Amino acid sequence: MMTEPDSKSQIVILCSDMLFLSKITGTARQLGYSFCTALSCDKAAESLLNETRQLLLIDLNQQNLDWELLTSIHQGDASLTSIAFGPHIDTERLNKARAAGCTQVIPRSQFSAQLPQLMDAALTEAA
């Protein structure tokens, strides 16, 4: 279930867990946000548009995350808001996400519980 980015995709979702992805896309749809999904950091990078306020959601359970590319994505767009989420016990990946420049790094349970609020906060605060 890949969705192609369009010029108005506000949320870029890097997640291959189809069940969790459906929760994220359902919430985005319910809140009226446009979105696209990506299965790799390369595809996520292609979907980010510097002139548009966007939110990048990163599932840290994603296989073969390209940490160097994630770092360069953040360095290339200081206005990008990104939220990385993963198991609270996987401190290595949580720390790598912080080092890569993710705006927020939170446990998966917190991400799931606060998803609507996280989306609204990231996409509605003043640029």
C-alpha atoms as a PDB file:
ATOM      1  CA  MET A   1       0.000   0.000   0.000  1.00  0.00           C
ATOM      2  CA  MET A   2       2.254   2.776  -1.261  1.00  0.00           C
ATOM      3  CA  THR A   3       0.789   6.158  -1.956  1.00  0.00           C
ATOM      4  CA  GLU A   4       2.500   8.525  -4.307  1.00  0.00           C
ATOM      5  CA  PRO A   5       3.430  11.996  -3.121  1.00  0.00           C
ATOM      6  CA  ASP A   6       1.684  14.952  -4.625  1.00  0.00           C
ATOM      7  CA  SER A   7       2.509  18.611  -4.322  1.00  0.00           C
ATOM      8  CA  LYS A   8       0.325  18.870  -1.234  1.00  0.00           C
ATOM      9  CA  SER A   9       1.531  15.889   0.818  1.00  0.00           C
ATOM     10  CA  GLN A  10       1.860  17.287   4.306  1.00  0.00           C
ATOM     11  CA  ILE A  11       2.934  14.073   6.014  1.00  0.00           C
ATOM     12  CA  VAL A  12       5.603  11.695   4.715  1.00  0.00           C
ATOM     13  CA  ILE A  13       5.370   8.329   6.463  1.00  0.00           C
ATOM     14  CA  LEU A  14       8.384   6.005   6.547  1.00  0.00           C
ATOM     15  CA  CYS A  15       6.850   2.779   7.808  1.00  0.00           C
ATOM     16  CA  SER A  16       6.511  -0.747   6.447  1.00  0.00           C
ATOM     17  CA  ASP A  17       4.304  -2.165   9.233  1.00  0.00           C
ATOM     18  CA  MET A  18       0.993  -2.293   7.356  1.00  0.00           C
ATOM     19  CA  LEU A  19      -1.204  -2.495  10.463  1.00  0.00           C
ATOM     20  CA  PHE A  20       0.476   0.470  12.127  1.00  0.00           C
ATOM     21  CA  LEU A  21       0.608   2.334   8.815  1.00  0.00           C
ATOM     22  CA  SER A  22      -3.174   2.032   8.488  1.00  0.00           C
ATOM     23  CA  LYS A  23      -3.558   3.628  11.948  1.00  0.00           C
ATOM     24  CA  ILE A  24      -1.317   6.546  10.912  1.00  0.00           C
ATOM     25  CA  THR A  25      -2.968   7.093   7.526  1.00  0.00           C
ATOM     26  CA  GLY A  26      -6.442   6.756   9.054  1.00  0.00           C
ATOM     27  CA  THR A  27      -5.630   9.436  11.616  1.00  0.00           C
ATOM     28  CA  ALA A  28      -4.141  11.733   8.958  1.00  0.00           C
ATOM     29  CA  ARG A  29      -7.216  11.262   6.770  1.00  0.00           C
ATOM     30  CA  GLN A  30      -9.557  11.915   9.704  1.00  0.00           C
ATOM     31  CA  LEU A  31      -7.717  15.167  10.510  1.00  0.00           C
ATOM     32  CA  GLY A  32      -7.757  16.255   6.865  1.00  0.00           C
ATOM     33  CA  TYR A  33      -4.014  15.998   6.203  1.00  0.00           C
ATOM     34  CA  SER A  34      -2.637  14.741   2.928  1.00  0.00           C
ATOM     35  CA  PHE A  35       0.067  12.108   3.125  1.00  0.00           C
ATOM     36  CA  CYS A  36       2.292   9.753   1.220  1.00  0.00           C
ATOM     37  CA  THR A  37       4.063   6.617   2.332  1.00  0.00           C
ATOM     38  CA  ALA A  38       7.637   5.547   1.742  1.00  0.00           C
ATOM     39  CA  LEU A  39       9.369   2.248   2.321  1.00  0.00           C
ATOM     40  CA  SER A  40      12.909   3.650   2.258  1.00  0.00           C
ATOM     41  CA  CYS A  41      14.777   6.776   3.291  1.00  0.00           C
ATOM     42  CA  ASP A  42      15.471   7.457  -0.402  1.00  0.00           C
ATOM     43  CA  LYS A  43      11.748   7.528  -1.213  1.00  0.00           C
ATOM     44  CA  ALA A  44      11.030   9.644   1.851  1.00  0.00           C
ATOM     45  CA  ALA A  45      13.716  12.150   0.814  1.00  0.00           C
ATOM     46  CA  GLU A  46      12.202  12.387  -2.685  1.00  0.00           C
ATOM     47  CA  SER A  47       8.809  13.198  -1.137  1.00  0.00           C
ATOM     48  CA  LEU A  48      10.002  16.122   0.969  1.00  0.00           C
ATOM     49  CA  LEU A  49       9.388  19.551  -0.519  1.00  0.00           C
ATOM     50  CA  ASN A  50      11.315  22.410   1.033  1.00  0.00           C
ATOM     51  CA  GLU A  51       8.647  24.992   0.205  1.00  0.00           C
ATOM     52  CA  THR A  52       5.875  23.151   2.040  1.00  0.00           C
ATOM     53  CA  ARG A  53       5.447  22.638   5.791  1.00  0.00           C
ATOM     54  CA  GLN A  54       5.777  18.892   6.219  1.00  0.00           C
ATOM     55  CA  LEU A  55       5.992  16.259   8.902  1.00  0.00           C
ATOM     56  CA  LEU A  56       8.227  13.214   8.503  1.00  0.00           C
ATOM     57  CA  LEU A  57       7.186  10.198  10.576  1.00  0.00           C
ATOM     58  CA  ILE A  58       9.878   7.531  10.996  1.00  0.00           C
ATOM     59  CA  ASP A  59       9.194   4.035  12.298  1.00  0.00           C
ATOM     60  CA  LEU A  60      12.443   2.935  13.924  1.00  0.00           C
ATOM     61  CA  ASN A  61      11.444  -0.707  13.357  1.00  0.00           C
ATOM     62  CA  GLN A  62      12.012  -0.029   9.654  1.00  0.00           C
ATOM     63  CA  GLN A  63      14.592  -2.414   8.199  1.00  0.00           C
ATOM     64  CA  ASN A  64      17.830  -0.939   6.872  1.00  0.00           C
ATOM     65  CA  LEU A  65      17.313   2.661   7.939  1.00  0.00           C
ATOM     66  CA  ASP A  66      19.885   4.840   6.203  1.00  0.00           C
ATOM     67  CA  TRP A  67      21.119   6.909   9.147  1.00  0.00           C
ATOM     68  CA  GLU A  68      23.467   9.003   6.991  1.00  0.00           C
ATOM     69  CA  LEU A  69      20.643   9.964   4.636  1.00  0.00           C
ATOM     70  CA  LEU A  70      18.340  10.722   7.569  1.00  0.00           C
ATOM     71  CA  THR A  71      21.016  13.018   8.984  1.00  0.00           C
ATOM     72  CA  SER A  72      21.462  14.810   5.656  1.00  0.00           C
ATOM     73  CA  ILE A  73      17.667  15.205   5.261  1.00  0.00           C
ATOM     74  CA  HIS A  74      17.574  17.032   8.600  1.00  0.00           C
ATOM     75  CA  GLN A  75      20.666  19.095   7.832  1.00  0.00           C
ATOM     76  CA  GLY A  76      19.215  20.088   4.452  1.00  0.00           C
ATOM     77  CA  ASP A  77      15.913  21.393   5.816  1.00  0.00           C
ATOM     78  CA  ALA A  78      16.016  23.056   9.219  1.00  0.00           C
ATOM     79  CA  SER A  79      12.264  23.733   9.067  1.00  0.00           C
ATOM     80  CA  LEU A  80      11.371  20.037   8.741  1.00  0.00           C
ATOM     81  CA  THR A  81       9.573  18.540  11.715  1.00  0.00           C
ATOM     82  CA  SER A  82      10.236  14.844  12.186  1.00  0.00           C
ATOM     83  CA  ILE A  83       8.998  12.364  14.732  1.00  0.00           C
ATOM     84  CA  ALA A  84      10.792   9.053  15.164  1.00  0.00           C
ATOM     85  CA  PHE A  85       9.064   6.334  17.137  1.00  0.00           C
ATOM     86  CA  GLY A  86      10.085   2.860  18.230  1.00  0.00           C
ATOM     87  CA  PRO A  87      10.139   0.388  21.088  1.00  0.00           C
ATOM     88  CA  HIS A  88      11.087   2.066  24.365  1.00  0.00           C
ATOM     89  CA  ILE A  89      13.586  -0.718  25.047  1.00  0.00           C
ATOM     90  CA  ASP A  90      15.498  -0.115  21.796  1.00  0.00           C
ATOM     91  CA  THR A  91      17.619   2.692  23.209  1.00  0.00           C
ATOM     92  CA  GLU A  92      20.261   2.276  20.494  1.00  0.00           C
ATOM     93  CA  ARG A  93      17.846   3.164  17.679  1.00  0.00           C
ATOM     94  CA  LEU A  94      16.190   5.908  19.728  1.00  0.00           C
ATOM     95  CA  ASN A  95      19.611   7.464  20.328  1.00  0.00           C
ATOM     96  CA  LYS A  96      20.578   7.110  16.654  1.00  0.00           C
ATOM     97  CA  ALA A  97      17.385   8.958  15.691  1.00  0.00           C
ATOM     98  CA  ARG A  98      18.265  11.799  18.068  1.00  0.00           C
ATOM     99  CA  ALA A  99      21.785  11.930  16.627  1.00  0.00           C
ATOM    100  CA  ALA A 100      20.325  12.046  13.087  1.00  0.00           C
ATOM    101  CA  GLY A 101      18.475  15.234  14.011  1.00  0.00           C
ATOM    102  CA  CYS A 102      14.906  14.048  14.512  1.00  0.00           C
ATOM    103  CA  THR A 103      12.780  16.769  16.116  1.00  0.00           C
ATOM    104  CA  GLN A 104      11.097  14.316  18.503  1.00  0.00           C
ATOM    105  CA  VAL A 105      12.045  10.760  19.425  1.00  0.00           C
ATOM    106  CA  ILE A 106       9.407   8.950  21.428  1.00  0.00           C
ATOM    107  CA  PRO A 107       8.326   5.438  22.386  1.00  0.00           C
ATOM    108  CA  ARG A 108       5.877   3.774  20.019  1.00  0.00           C
ATOM    109  CA  SER A 109       3.184   3.601  22.743  1.00  0.00           C
ATOM    110  CA  GLN A 110       3.329   7.374  23.299  1.00  0.00           C
ATOM    111  CA  PHE A 111       3.298   7.999  19.544  1.00  0.00           C
ATOM    112  CA  SER A 112       0.227   5.821  19.148  1.00  0.00           C
ATOM    113  CA  ALA A 113      -1.622   7.382  22.090  1.00  0.00           C
ATOM    114  CA  GLN A 114      -0.887  10.987  21.062  1.00  0.00           C
ATOM    115  CA  LEU A 115      -0.908  10.676  17.266  1.00  0.00           C
ATOM    116  CA  PRO A 116      -3.642  13.255  16.496  1.00  0.00           C
ATOM    117  CA  GLN A 117      -2.102  15.812  18.857  1.00  0.00           C
ATOM    118  CA  LEU A 118       1.401  15.210  17.450  1.00  0.00           C
ATOM    119  CA  MET A 119       0.195  15.739  13.880  1.00  0.00           C
ATOM    120  CA  ASP A 120      -1.739  18.889  14.742  1.00  0.00           C
ATOM    121  CA  ALA A 121       1.133  20.358  16.767  1.00  0.00           C
ATOM    122  CA  ALA A 122       3.670  19.726  13.995  1.00  0.00           C
ATOM    123  CA  LEU A 123       1.543  21.023  11.146  1.00  0.00           C
ATOM    124  CA  THR A 124      -0.280  23.960  12.707  1.00  0.00           C
ATOM    125  CA  GLU A 125       2.361  25.775  14.766  1.00  0.00           C
ATOM    126  CA  ALA A 126       3.729  28.938  13.212  1.00  0.00           C
ATOM    127  CA  ALA A 127       6.433  28.375  10.616  1.00  0.00           C
END
